[in-house]
Amino acid sequence: MYTSPDLIVEYPDGNKFQIVGFSFEAQVMGGELGLSDETTDYGYFTPDQIESMDLMEHHRERIADALAGQTAAFVR
């Protein structure tokens, strides 16, 4: 789980929200990737490809943690 009182998103309508994000390890069992109301694109990417992507900064920490191979929970 990732959150911080310093991580606030303000939407064009003036609403402000503190982001609480969850990351899960998953295995593809079937189906197809697809878009939703919350996504604009999707895909599978290598760590090198991710480095050059335009990401929200707080996602970089989550990706680095996922790639670290640590079995215990990350506490930040």
C-alpha atoms as a PDB file:
ATOM      1  CA  MET A   1       0.000   0.000   0.000  1.00  0.00           C
ATOM      2  CA  TYR A   2       1.348   3.412  -0.943  1.00  0.00           C
ATOM      3  CA  THR A   3       0.081   6.738   0.390  1.00  0.00           C
ATOM      4  CA  SER A   4       1.310   9.971   1.884  1.00  0.00           C
ATOM      5  CA  PRO A   5      -0.425  13.086   3.166  1.00  0.00           C
ATOM      6  CA  ASP A   6       1.910  14.950   0.807  1.00  0.00           C
ATOM      7  CA  LEU A   7       0.575  13.077  -2.226  1.00  0.00           C
ATOM      8  CA  ILE A   8      -2.516  15.082  -3.129  1.00  0.00           C
ATOM      9  CA  VAL A   9      -4.153  15.199  -6.539  1.00  0.00           C
ATOM     10  CA  GLU A  10      -6.334  18.160  -7.459  1.00  0.00           C
ATOM     11  CA  TYR A  11      -8.820  17.650 -10.274  1.00  0.00           C
ATOM     12  CA  PRO A  12     -10.004  20.379 -12.665  1.00  0.00           C
ATOM     13  CA  ASP A  13     -13.303  20.639 -10.748  1.00  0.00           C
ATOM     14  CA  GLY A  14     -11.383  21.593  -7.579  1.00  0.00           C
ATOM     15  CA  ASN A  15     -11.801  18.283  -5.748  1.00  0.00           C
ATOM     16  CA  LYS A  16      -8.666  17.176  -3.902  1.00  0.00           C
ATOM     17  CA  PHE A  17      -7.834  13.605  -2.977  1.00  0.00           C
ATOM     18  CA  GLN A  18      -5.034  11.844  -1.147  1.00  0.00           C
ATOM     19  CA  ILE A  19      -3.976   8.924  -3.286  1.00  0.00           C
ATOM     20  CA  VAL A  20      -3.947   5.464  -1.721  1.00  0.00           C
ATOM     21  CA  GLY A  21      -2.466   2.925  -4.108  1.00  0.00           C
ATOM     22  CA  PHE A  22      -2.200  -0.819  -3.800  1.00  0.00           C
ATOM     23  CA  SER A  23       0.219  -3.004  -5.732  1.00  0.00           C
ATOM     24  CA  PHE A  24      -0.327  -6.724  -6.161  1.00  0.00           C
ATOM     25  CA  GLU A  25       1.732  -9.447  -7.744  1.00  0.00           C
ATOM     26  CA  ALA A  26      -0.396 -11.289 -10.263  1.00  0.00           C
ATOM     27  CA  GLN A  27      -0.146 -13.998 -12.859  1.00  0.00           C
ATOM     28  CA  VAL A  28      -1.896 -13.811 -16.220  1.00  0.00           C
ATOM     29  CA  MET A  29      -4.468 -16.600 -16.341  1.00  0.00           C
ATOM     30  CA  GLY A  30      -6.265 -15.576 -19.524  1.00  0.00           C
ATOM     31  CA  GLY A  31      -8.382 -12.911 -21.106  1.00  0.00           C
ATOM     32  CA  GLU A  32      -7.237  -9.783 -22.859  1.00  0.00           C
ATOM     33  CA  LEU A  33      -5.950  -6.425 -21.699  1.00  0.00           C
ATOM     34  CA  GLY A  34      -8.385  -3.599 -22.343  1.00  0.00           C
ATOM     35  CA  LEU A  35      -9.163   0.032 -21.685  1.00  0.00           C
ATOM     36  CA  SER A  36     -11.482   1.356 -18.995  1.00  0.00           C
ATOM     37  CA  ASP A  37     -12.692   4.738 -17.794  1.00  0.00           C
ATOM     38  CA  GLU A  38      -9.446   4.992 -15.802  1.00  0.00           C
ATOM     39  CA  THR A  39      -6.960   4.018 -18.519  1.00  0.00           C
ATOM     40  CA  THR A  40      -5.779   5.550 -21.772  1.00  0.00           C
ATOM     41  CA  ASP A  41      -3.328   2.844 -22.829  1.00  0.00           C
ATOM     42  CA  TYR A  42      -1.999  -0.507 -21.697  1.00  0.00           C
ATOM     43  CA  GLY A  43       0.789  -2.984 -22.400  1.00  0.00           C
ATOM     44  CA  TYR A  44       3.658  -5.006 -21.056  1.00  0.00           C
ATOM     45  CA  PHE A  45       6.972  -3.158 -20.802  1.00  0.00           C
ATOM     46  CA  THR A  46      10.576  -3.963 -19.939  1.00  0.00           C
ATOM     47  CA  PRO A  47      12.332  -2.023 -17.156  1.00  0.00           C
ATOM     48  CA  ASP A  48      14.392  -0.222 -19.829  1.00  0.00           C
ATOM     49  CA  GLN A  49      11.242   0.863 -21.659  1.00  0.00           C
ATOM     50  CA  ILE A  50       9.696   2.100 -18.415  1.00  0.00           C
ATOM     51  CA  GLU A  51      12.741   4.296 -17.685  1.00  0.00           C
ATOM     52  CA  SER A  52      11.974   6.506 -20.685  1.00  0.00           C
ATOM     53  CA  MET A  53       8.205   6.743 -20.079  1.00  0.00           C
ATOM     54  CA  ASP A  54       6.432   9.861 -18.878  1.00  0.00           C
ATOM     55  CA  LEU A  55       5.118   8.596 -15.521  1.00  0.00           C
ATOM     56  CA  MET A  56       3.787  10.221 -12.399  1.00  0.00           C
ATOM     57  CA  GLU A  57       6.800  10.252 -10.071  1.00  0.00           C
ATOM     58  CA  HIS A  58       5.147   8.201  -7.312  1.00  0.00           C
ATOM     59  CA  HIS A  59       4.718   5.318  -9.760  1.00  0.00           C
ATOM     60  CA  ARG A  60       8.485   4.993 -10.197  1.00  0.00           C
ATOM     61  CA  GLU A  61       8.917   3.977  -6.543  1.00  0.00           C
ATOM     62  CA  ARG A  62       6.207   1.331  -6.871  1.00  0.00           C
ATOM     63  CA  ILE A  63       7.787  -0.091 -10.035  1.00  0.00           C
ATOM     64  CA  ALA A  64      11.254  -0.155  -8.448  1.00  0.00           C
ATOM     65  CA  ASP A  65       9.838  -1.991  -5.440  1.00  0.00           C
ATOM     66  CA  ALA A  66       8.083  -4.509  -7.691  1.00  0.00           C
ATOM     67  CA  LEU A  67      11.306  -5.219  -9.579  1.00  0.00           C
ATOM     68  CA  ALA A  68      13.458  -5.532  -6.423  1.00  0.00           C
ATOM     69  CA  GLY A  69      12.451  -9.148  -5.825  1.00  0.00           C
ATOM     70  CA  GLN A  70      11.964  -8.565  -2.091  1.00  0.00           C
ATOM     71  CA  THR A  71       9.579 -11.052  -0.513  1.00  0.00           C
ATOM     72  CA  ALA A  72       8.754  -8.938   2.570  1.00  0.00           C
ATOM     73  CA  ALA A  73       6.493  -5.915   2.462  1.00  0.00           C
ATOM     74  CA  PHE A  74       8.104  -2.553   1.734  1.00  0.00           C
ATOM     75  CA  VAL A  75       7.613  -0.073   4.564  1.00  0.00           C
ATOM     76  CA  ARG A  76       8.353   3.536   3.680  1.00  0.00           C
END
